[in-house]
Amino acid sequence: MGHIALRKWCFQNEIPFFSIYLDVNETTLLQRLQKRSDTNESPEIRLKEDEYYEIFRDCYENVYDYNDKTVEEGMEDIITMMRERGLI
C-alpha cells in the first residue's frame, strides 16, 4: 500500500508524516455521492469499493469523523490538527 511506503520513506528521510483517515458512514457517503454530478460510476459501486478501503483504517495515525461536516469545517479541523502537531 502506498500509504505505508510513503510513511517509511518519510521516516527514513526524517520528514514529518501526518496521515488522516476520513471516516464517513455509508448513509452520509451515499447522500454525498448522489449529489455529485461529476462521477461516472453509480453510488452503489463506489460504496462497494469503499468497503475495501476500510481495512486500512488502522494504518492511519488519525481517524477523523467526517460525518455531518462541511468541506470547510473538515479543512479547518485538519489544519488545526496539523498546527497542534507543529507541522504548519
PDB file of N, CA and C in Angstrom:
ATOM      1  N   MET A   1       0.823  -1.168   0.000  1.00  0.00           N
ATOM      2  CA  MET A   1       0.000   0.000   0.000  1.00  0.00           C
ATOM      3  C   MET A   1       0.874   1.240   0.000  1.00  0.00           C
ATOM      4  N   GLY A   2       0.521   2.210  -0.796  1.00  0.00           N
ATOM      5  CA  GLY A   2       1.305   3.424  -0.950  1.00  0.00           C
ATOM      6  C   GLY A   2       1.463   4.219   0.328  1.00  0.00           C
ATOM      7  N   HIS A   3       0.445   4.210   1.154  1.00  0.00           N
ATOM      8  CA  HIS A   3       0.488   4.955   2.411  1.00  0.00           C
ATOM      9  C   HIS A   3       1.619   4.468   3.311  1.00  0.00           C
ATOM     10  N   ILE A   4       1.761   3.174   3.415  1.00  0.00           N
ATOM     11  CA  ILE A   4       2.793   2.595   4.280  1.00  0.00           C
ATOM     12  C   ILE A   4       4.184   2.860   3.707  1.00  0.00           C
ATOM     13  N   ALA A   5       4.312   2.739   2.393  1.00  0.00           N
ATOM     14  CA  ALA A   5       5.600   3.018   1.751  1.00  0.00           C
ATOM     15  C   ALA A   5       5.986   4.489   1.929  1.00  0.00           C
ATOM     16  N   LEU A   6       5.025   5.372   1.805  1.00  0.00           N
ATOM     17  CA  LEU A   6       5.305   6.800   1.980  1.00  0.00           C
ATOM     18  C   LEU A   6       5.701   7.094   3.421  1.00  0.00           C
ATOM     19  N   ARG A   7       5.015   6.493   4.373  1.00  0.00           N
ATOM     20  CA  ARG A   7       5.359   6.688   5.788  1.00  0.00           C
ATOM     21  C   ARG A   7       6.799   6.237   6.046  1.00  0.00           C
ATOM     22  N   LYS A   8       7.156   5.081   5.508  1.00  0.00           N
ATOM     23  CA  LYS A   8       8.512   4.554   5.692  1.00  0.00           C
ATOM     24  C   LYS A   8       9.543   5.491   5.063  1.00  0.00           C
ATOM     25  N   TRP A   9       9.270   5.959   3.857  1.00  0.00           N
ATOM     26  CA  TRP A   9      10.198   6.862   3.170  1.00  0.00           C
ATOM     27  C   TRP A   9      10.380   8.151   3.964  1.00  0.00           C
ATOM     28  N   CYS A  10       9.280   8.711   4.467  1.00  0.00           N
ATOM     29  CA  CYS A  10       9.369   9.937   5.266  1.00  0.00           C
ATOM     30  C   CYS A  10      10.205   9.709   6.516  1.00  0.00           C
ATOM     31  N   PHE A  11       9.981   8.587   7.191  1.00  0.00           N
ATOM     32  CA  PHE A  11      10.746   8.264   8.393  1.00  0.00           C
ATOM     33  C   PHE A  11      12.235   8.148   8.071  1.00  0.00           C
ATOM     34  N   GLN A  12      12.564   7.439   6.997  1.00  0.00           N
ATOM     35  CA  GLN A  12      13.961   7.251   6.612  1.00  0.00           C
ATOM     36  C   GLN A  12      14.636   8.566   6.245  1.00  0.00           C
ATOM     37  N   ASN A  13      13.860   9.514   5.730  1.00  0.00           N
ATOM     38  CA  ASN A  13      14.409  10.801   5.304  1.00  0.00           C
ATOM     39  C   ASN A  13      14.138  11.924   6.309  1.00  0.00           C
ATOM     40  N   GLU A  14      13.711  11.535   7.502  1.00  0.00           N
ATOM     41  CA  GLU A  14      13.452  12.473   8.601  1.00  0.00           C
ATOM     42  C   GLU A  14      12.509  13.601   8.188  1.00  0.00           C
ATOM     43  N   ILE A  15      11.442  13.224   7.499  1.00  0.00           N
ATOM     44  CA  ILE A  15      10.412  14.164   7.066  1.00  0.00           C
ATOM     45  C   ILE A  15       9.156  13.866   7.873  1.00  0.00           C
ATOM     46  N   PRO A  16       8.564  14.905   8.479  1.00  0.00           N
ATOM     47  CA  PRO A  16       7.333  14.661   9.241  1.00  0.00           C
ATOM     48  C   PRO A  16       6.247  14.032   8.370  1.00  0.00           C
ATOM     49  N   PHE A  17       5.529  13.108   8.959  1.00  0.00           N
ATOM     50  CA  PHE A  17       4.458  12.422   8.227  1.00  0.00           C
ATOM     51  C   PHE A  17       3.184  12.522   9.037  1.00  0.00           C
ATOM     52  N   PHE A  18       2.100  12.887   8.390  1.00  0.00           N
ATOM     53  CA  PHE A  18       0.809  13.072   9.043  1.00  0.00           C
ATOM     54  C   PHE A  18      -0.252  12.470   8.140  1.00  0.00           C
ATOM     55  N   SER A  19      -0.943  11.449   8.623  1.00  0.00           N
ATOM     56  CA  SER A  19      -1.967  10.820   7.795  1.00  0.00           C
ATOM     57  C   SER A  19      -3.314  10.863   8.504  1.00  0.00           C
ATOM     58  N   ILE A  20      -4.352  11.013   7.705  1.00  0.00           N
ATOM     59  CA  ILE A  20      -5.707  11.103   8.236  1.00  0.00           C
ATOM     60  C   ILE A  20      -6.612  10.180   7.432  1.00  0.00           C
ATOM     61  N   TYR A  21      -7.381   9.393   8.134  1.00  0.00           N
ATOM     62  CA  TYR A  21      -8.422   8.579   7.513  1.00  0.00           C
ATOM     63  C   TYR A  21      -9.726   9.331   7.710  1.00  0.00           C
ATOM     64  N   LEU A  22     -10.380   9.691   6.617  1.00  0.00           N
ATOM     65  CA  LEU A  22     -11.664  10.384   6.688  1.00  0.00           C
ATOM     66  C   LEU A  22     -12.755   9.344   6.841  1.00  0.00           C
ATOM     67  N   ASP A  23     -13.281   9.242   8.038  1.00  0.00           N
ATOM     68  CA  ASP A  23     -14.288   8.239   8.361  1.00  0.00           C
ATOM     69  C   ASP A  23     -15.682   8.790   8.054  1.00  0.00           C
ATOM     70  N   VAL A  24     -16.361   8.162   7.120  1.00  0.00           N
ATOM     71  CA  VAL A  24     -17.706   8.580   6.718  1.00  0.00           C
ATOM     72  C   VAL A  24     -18.593   7.343   6.696  1.00  0.00           C
ATOM     73  N   ASN A  25     -19.739   7.416   7.360  1.00  0.00           N
ATOM     74  CA  ASN A  25     -20.623   6.259   7.366  1.00  0.00           C
ATOM     75  C   ASN A  25     -21.303   6.089   6.006  1.00  0.00           C
ATOM     76  N   GLU A  26     -21.848   4.929   5.785  1.00  0.00           N
ATOM     77  CA  GLU A  26     -22.417   4.584   4.485  1.00  0.00           C
ATOM     78  C   GLU A  26     -23.568   5.513   4.079  1.00  0.00           C
ATOM     79  N   THR A  27     -24.407   5.880   5.013  1.00  0.00           N
ATOM     80  CA  THR A  27     -25.552   6.751   4.710  1.00  0.00           C
ATOM     81  C   THR A  27     -25.077   8.117   4.228  1.00  0.00           C
ATOM     82  N   THR A  28     -24.135   8.701   4.955  1.00  0.00           N
ATOM     83  CA  THR A  28     -23.603  10.014   4.580  1.00  0.00           C
ATOM     84  C   THR A  28     -22.890   9.941   3.243  1.00  0.00           C
ATOM     85  N   LEU A  29     -22.090   8.912   3.054  1.00  0.00           N
ATOM     86  CA  LEU A  29     -21.355   8.761   1.802  1.00  0.00           C
ATOM     87  C   LEU A  29     -22.311   8.623   0.622  1.00  0.00           C
ATOM     88  N   LEU A  30     -23.338   7.815   0.775  1.00  0.00           N
ATOM     89  CA  LEU A  30     -24.308   7.633  -0.301  1.00  0.00           C
ATOM     90  C   LEU A  30     -24.995   8.956  -0.640  1.00  0.00           C
ATOM     91  N   GLN A  31     -25.372   9.716   0.360  1.00  0.00           N
ATOM     92  CA  GLN A  31     -26.004  11.019   0.113  1.00  0.00           C
ATOM     93  C   GLN A  31     -25.065  11.951  -0.641  1.00  0.00           C
ATOM     94  N   ARG A  32     -23.811  11.971  -0.251  1.00  0.00           N
ATOM     95  CA  ARG A  32     -22.825  12.845  -0.913  1.00  0.00           C
ATOM     96  C   ARG A  32     -22.575  12.399  -2.354  1.00  0.00           C
ATOM     97  N   LEU A  33     -22.486  11.104  -2.566  1.00  0.00           N
ATOM     98  CA  LEU A  33     -22.262  10.594  -3.920  1.00  0.00           C
ATOM     99  C   LEU A  33     -23.440  10.905  -4.834  1.00  0.00           C
ATOM    100  N   GLN A  34     -24.636  10.815  -4.306  1.00  0.00           N
ATOM    101  CA  GLN A  34     -25.820  11.083  -5.122  1.00  0.00           C
ATOM    102  C   GLN A  34     -25.912  12.559  -5.510  1.00  0.00           C
ATOM    103  N   LYS A  35     -25.354  13.438  -4.697  1.00  0.00           N
ATOM    104  CA  LYS A  35     -25.369  14.871  -5.003  1.00  0.00           C
ATOM    105  C   LYS A  35     -24.349  15.238  -6.076  1.00  0.00           C
ATOM    106  N   ARG A  36     -23.305  14.456  -6.205  1.00  0.00           N
ATOM    107  CA  ARG A  36     -22.249  14.750  -7.175  1.00  0.00           C
ATOM    108  C   ARG A  36     -22.746  14.506  -8.587  1.00  0.00           C
ATOM    109  N   SER A  37     -22.348  15.376  -9.473  1.00  0.00           N
ATOM    110  CA  SER A  37     -22.705  15.181 -10.878  1.00  0.00           C
ATOM    111  C   SER A  37     -21.486  14.792 -11.702  1.00  0.00           C
ATOM    112  N   ASP A  38     -20.293  14.776 -11.067  1.00  0.00           N
ATOM    113  CA  ASP A  38     -19.067  14.509 -11.808  1.00  0.00           C
ATOM    114  C   ASP A  38     -18.647  13.045 -11.807  1.00  0.00           C
ATOM    115  N   THR A  39     -19.379  12.205 -11.141  1.00  0.00           N
ATOM    116  CA  THR A  39     -18.980  10.804 -11.056  1.00  0.00           C
ATOM    117  C   THR A  39     -19.543   9.999 -12.230  1.00  0.00           C
ATOM    118  N   ASN A  40     -18.726   9.117 -12.759  1.00  0.00           N
ATOM    119  CA  ASN A  40     -19.133   8.270 -13.887  1.00  0.00           C
ATOM    120  C   ASN A  40     -19.625   6.906 -13.437  1.00  0.00           C
ATOM    121  N   GLU A  41     -19.524   6.633 -12.159  1.00  0.00           N
ATOM    122  CA  GLU A  41     -19.956   5.344 -11.666  1.00  0.00           C
ATOM    123  C   GLU A  41     -21.137   5.520 -10.726  1.00  0.00           C
ATOM    124  N   SER A  42     -21.879   4.471 -10.553  1.00  0.00           N
ATOM    125  CA  SER A  42     -23.052   4.566  -9.689  1.00  0.00           C
ATOM    126  C   SER A  42     -22.598   4.652  -8.229  1.00  0.00           C
ATOM    127  N   PRO A  43     -23.371   5.338  -7.393  1.00  0.00           N
ATOM    128  CA  PRO A  43     -23.015   5.420  -5.967  1.00  0.00           C
ATOM    129  C   PRO A  43     -22.881   4.046  -5.314  1.00  0.00           C
ATOM    130  N   GLU A  44     -23.689   3.101  -5.738  1.00  0.00           N
ATOM    131  CA  GLU A  44     -23.640   1.759  -5.148  1.00  0.00           C
ATOM    132  C   GLU A  44     -22.300   1.076  -5.431  1.00  0.00           C
ATOM    133  N   ILE A  45     -21.778   1.253  -6.651  1.00  0.00           N
ATOM    134  CA  ILE A  45     -20.467   0.672  -6.991  1.00  0.00           C
ATOM    135  C   ILE A  45     -19.384   1.315  -6.135  1.00  0.00           C
ATOM    136  N   ARG A  46     -19.452   2.616  -5.968  1.00  0.00           N
ATOM    137  CA  ARG A  46     -18.471   3.332  -5.155  1.00  0.00           C
ATOM    138  C   ARG A  46     -18.522   2.865  -3.706  1.00  0.00           C
ATOM    139  N   LEU A  47     -19.710   2.619  -3.181  1.00  0.00           N
ATOM    140  CA  LEU A  47     -19.829   2.128  -1.803  1.00  0.00           C
ATOM    141  C   LEU A  47     -19.131   0.784  -1.641  1.00  0.00           C
ATOM    142  N   LYS A  48     -19.281  -0.082  -2.629  1.00  0.00           N
ATOM    143  CA  LYS A  48     -18.612  -1.395  -2.584  1.00  0.00           C
ATOM    144  C   LYS A  48     -17.098  -1.223  -2.541  1.00  0.00           C
ATOM    145  N   GLU A  49     -16.579  -0.283  -3.364  1.00  0.00           N
ATOM    146  CA  GLU A  49     -15.134  -0.029  -3.379  1.00  0.00           C
ATOM    147  C   GLU A  49     -14.662   0.490  -2.031  1.00  0.00           C
ATOM    148  N   ASP A  50     -15.434   1.379  -1.428  1.00  0.00           N
ATOM    149  CA  ASP A  50     -15.040   1.960  -0.151  1.00  0.00           C
ATOM    150  C   ASP A  50     -15.000   0.933   0.970  1.00  0.00           C
ATOM    151  N   GLU A  51     -15.799  -0.111   0.881  1.00  0.00           N
ATOM    152  CA  GLU A  51     -15.755  -1.183   1.884  1.00  0.00           C
ATOM    153  C   GLU A  51     -14.352  -1.778   1.957  1.00  0.00           C
ATOM    154  N   TYR A  52     -13.701  -1.910   0.800  1.00  0.00           N
ATOM    155  CA  TYR A  52     -12.348  -2.460   0.739  1.00  0.00           C
ATOM    156  C   TYR A  52     -11.361  -1.572   1.500  1.00  0.00           C
ATOM    157  N   TYR A  53     -11.470  -0.266   1.324  1.00  0.00           N
ATOM    158  CA  TYR A  53     -10.507   0.648   1.935  1.00  0.00           C
ATOM    159  C   TYR A  53     -10.610   0.713   3.457  1.00  0.00           C
ATOM    160  N   GLU A  54     -11.726   0.317   4.009  1.00  0.00           N
ATOM    161  CA  GLU A  54     -11.876   0.347   5.466  1.00  0.00           C
ATOM    162  C   GLU A  54     -10.884  -0.558   6.174  1.00  0.00           C
ATOM    163  N   ILE A  55     -10.371  -1.564   5.479  1.00  0.00           N
ATOM    164  CA  ILE A  55      -9.390  -2.449   6.124  1.00  0.00           C
ATOM    165  C   ILE A  55      -8.094  -1.704   6.443  1.00  0.00           C
ATOM    166  N   PHE A  56      -7.862  -0.566   5.786  1.00  0.00           N
ATOM    167  CA  PHE A  56      -6.640   0.204   6.017  1.00  0.00           C
ATOM    168  C   PHE A  56      -6.802   1.260   7.115  1.00  0.00           C
ATOM    169  N   ARG A  57      -7.996   1.360   7.666  1.00  0.00           N
ATOM    170  CA  ARG A  57      -8.306   2.399   8.654  1.00  0.00           C
ATOM    171  C   ARG A  57      -7.287   2.444   9.785  1.00  0.00           C
ATOM    172  N   ASP A  58      -6.872   1.310  10.289  1.00  0.00           N
ATOM    173  CA  ASP A  58      -5.958   1.258  11.426  1.00  0.00           C
ATOM    174  C   ASP A  58      -4.514   1.610  11.065  1.00  0.00           C
ATOM    175  N   CYS A  59      -4.232   1.805   9.791  1.00  0.00           N
ATOM    176  CA  CYS A  59      -2.880   2.180   9.363  1.00  0.00           C
ATOM    177  C   CYS A  59      -2.619   3.678   9.526  1.00  0.00           C
ATOM    178  N   TYR A  60      -3.656   4.426   9.787  1.00  0.00           N
ATOM    179  CA  TYR A  60      -3.547   5.882   9.864  1.00  0.00           C
ATOM    180  C   TYR A  60      -3.382   6.335  11.312  1.00  0.00           C
ATOM    181  N   GLU A  61      -2.578   7.388  11.514  1.00  0.00           N
ATOM    182  CA  GLU A  61      -2.376   7.915  12.864  1.00  0.00           C
ATOM    183  C   GLU A  61      -3.623   8.627  13.365  1.00  0.00           C
ATOM    184  N   ASN A  62      -4.390   9.184  12.454  1.00  0.00           N
ATOM    185  CA  ASN A  62      -5.552   9.984  12.811  1.00  0.00           C
ATOM    186  C   ASN A  62      -6.778   9.494  12.058  1.00  0.00           C
ATOM    187  N   VAL A  63      -7.858   9.303  12.783  1.00  0.00           N
ATOM    188  CA  VAL A  63      -9.139   8.954  12.161  1.00  0.00           C
ATOM    189  C   VAL A  63     -10.070  10.130  12.448  1.00  0.00           C
ATOM    190  N   TYR A  64     -10.562  10.742  11.388  1.00  0.00           N
ATOM    191  CA  TYR A  64     -11.381  11.943  11.511  1.00  0.00           C
ATOM    192  C   TYR A  64     -12.821  11.623  11.141  1.00  0.00           C
ATOM    193  N   ASP A  65     -13.731  11.923  12.044  1.00  0.00           N
ATOM    194  CA  ASP A  65     -15.162  11.705  11.811  1.00  0.00           C
ATOM    195  C   ASP A  65     -15.668  12.807  10.891  1.00  0.00           C
ATOM    196  N   TYR A  66     -15.869  12.465   9.622  1.00  0.00           N
ATOM    197  CA  TYR A  66     -16.241  13.437   8.592  1.00  0.00           C
ATOM    198  C   TYR A  66     -17.746  13.452   8.342  1.00  0.00           C
ATOM    199  N   ASN A  67     -18.506  12.810   9.209  1.00  0.00           N
ATOM    200  CA  ASN A  67     -19.964  12.830   9.110  1.00  0.00           C
ATOM    201  C   ASN A  67     -20.459  14.176   9.623  1.00  0.00           C
ATOM    202  N   ASP A  68     -21.504  14.673   9.018  1.00  0.00           N
ATOM    203  CA  ASP A  68     -22.135  15.932   9.456  1.00  0.00           C
ATOM    204  C   ASP A  68     -21.171  17.109   9.442  1.00  0.00           C
ATOM    205  N   LYS A  69     -20.195  17.086   8.566  1.00  0.00           N
ATOM    206  CA  LYS A  69     -19.234  18.181   8.441  1.00  0.00           C
ATOM    207  C   LYS A  69     -19.253  18.686   7.004  1.00  0.00           C
ATOM    208  N   THR A  70     -19.073  19.977   6.848  1.00  0.00           N
ATOM    209  CA  THR A  70     -18.895  20.532   5.509  1.00  0.00           C
ATOM    210  C   THR A  70     -17.426  20.396   5.143  1.00  0.00           C
ATOM    211  N   VAL A  71     -17.111  20.601   3.892  1.00  0.00           N
ATOM    212  CA  VAL A  71     -15.712  20.562   3.465  1.00  0.00           C
ATOM    213  C   VAL A  71     -14.916  21.609   4.235  1.00  0.00           C
ATOM    214  N   GLU A  72     -15.505  22.793   4.386  1.00  0.00           N
ATOM    215  CA  GLU A  72     -14.816  23.873   5.094  1.00  0.00           C
ATOM    216  C   GLU A  72     -14.543  23.510   6.554  1.00  0.00           C
ATOM    217  N   GLU A  73     -15.534  22.919   7.222  1.00  0.00           N
ATOM    218  CA  GLU A  73     -15.336  22.504   8.619  1.00  0.00           C
ATOM    219  C   GLU A  73     -14.253  21.431   8.716  1.00  0.00           C
ATOM    220  N   GLY A  74     -14.281  20.501   7.795  1.00  0.00           N
ATOM    221  CA  GLY A  74     -13.277  19.445   7.782  1.00  0.00           C
ATOM    222  C   GLY A  74     -11.878  19.999   7.597  1.00  0.00           C
ATOM    223  N   MET A  75     -11.730  20.919   6.652  1.00  0.00           N
ATOM    224  CA  MET A  75     -10.407  21.506   6.410  1.00  0.00           C
ATOM    225  C   MET A  75      -9.923  22.297   7.630  1.00  0.00           C
ATOM    226  N   GLU A  76     -10.809  23.049   8.251  1.00  0.00           N
ATOM    227  CA  GLU A  76     -10.424  23.800   9.448  1.00  0.00           C
ATOM    228  C   GLU A  76      -9.951  22.855  10.548  1.00  0.00           C
ATOM    229  N   ASP A  77     -10.673  21.769  10.754  1.00  0.00           N
ATOM    230  CA  ASP A  77     -10.292  20.796  11.780  1.00  0.00           C
ATOM    231  C   ASP A  77      -8.939  20.160  11.469  1.00  0.00           C
ATOM    232  N   ILE A  78      -8.727  19.801  10.223  1.00  0.00           N
ATOM    233  CA  ILE A  78      -7.473  19.154   9.836  1.00  0.00           C
ATOM    234  C   ILE A  78      -6.310  20.124   9.961  1.00  0.00           C
ATOM    235  N   ILE A  79      -6.506  21.364   9.565  1.00  0.00           N
ATOM    236  CA  ILE A  79      -5.453  22.378   9.729  1.00  0.00           C
ATOM    237  C   ILE A  79      -5.132  22.559  11.209  1.00  0.00           C
ATOM    238  N   THR A  80      -6.145  22.575  12.049  1.00  0.00           N
ATOM    239  CA  THR A  80      -5.930  22.687  13.494  1.00  0.00           C
ATOM    240  C   THR A  80      -5.110  21.507  14.004  1.00  0.00           C
ATOM    241  N   MET A  81      -5.453  20.291  13.552  1.00  0.00           N
ATOM    242  CA  MET A  81      -4.699  19.103  13.961  1.00  0.00           C
ATOM    243  C   MET A  81      -3.230  19.223  13.554  1.00  0.00           C
ATOM    244  N   MET A  82      -2.987  19.717  12.363  1.00  0.00           N
ATOM    245  CA  MET A  82      -1.615  19.866  11.873  1.00  0.00           C
ATOM    246  C   MET A  82      -0.864  20.933  12.670  1.00  0.00           C
ATOM    247  N   ARG A  83      -1.541  22.027  12.998  1.00  0.00           N
ATOM    248  CA  ARG A  83      -0.912  23.081  13.809  1.00  0.00           C
ATOM    249  C   ARG A  83      -0.559  22.545  15.196  1.00  0.00           C
ATOM    250  N   GLU A  84      -1.460  21.782  15.785  1.00  0.00           N
ATOM    251  CA  GLU A  84      -1.221  21.228  17.119  1.00  0.00           C
ATOM    252  C   GLU A  84       0.014  20.324  17.147  1.00  0.00           C
ATOM    253  N   ARG A  85       0.323  19.738  16.020  1.00  0.00           N
ATOM    254  CA  ARG A  85       1.485  18.844  15.925  1.00  0.00           C
ATOM    255  C   ARG A  85       2.739  19.568  15.398  1.00  0.00           C
ATOM    256  N   GLY A  86       2.609  20.879  15.200  1.00  0.00           N
ATOM    257  CA  GLY A  86       3.748  21.663  14.748  1.00  0.00           C
ATOM    258  C   GLY A  86       4.144  21.444  13.306  1.00  0.00           C
ATOM    259  N   LEU A  87       3.200  20.981  12.495  1.00  0.00           N
ATOM    260  CA  LEU A  87       3.522  20.697  11.096  1.00  0.00           C
ATOM    261  C   LEU A  87       3.334  21.912  10.197  1.00  0.00           C
ATOM    262  N   ILE A  88       2.537  22.858  10.648  1.00  0.00           N
ATOM    263  CA  ILE A  88       2.381  24.110   9.886  1.00  0.00           C
ATOM    264  C   ILE A  88       2.363  25.279  10.847  1.00  0.00           C
TER     265      ILE A  88
END
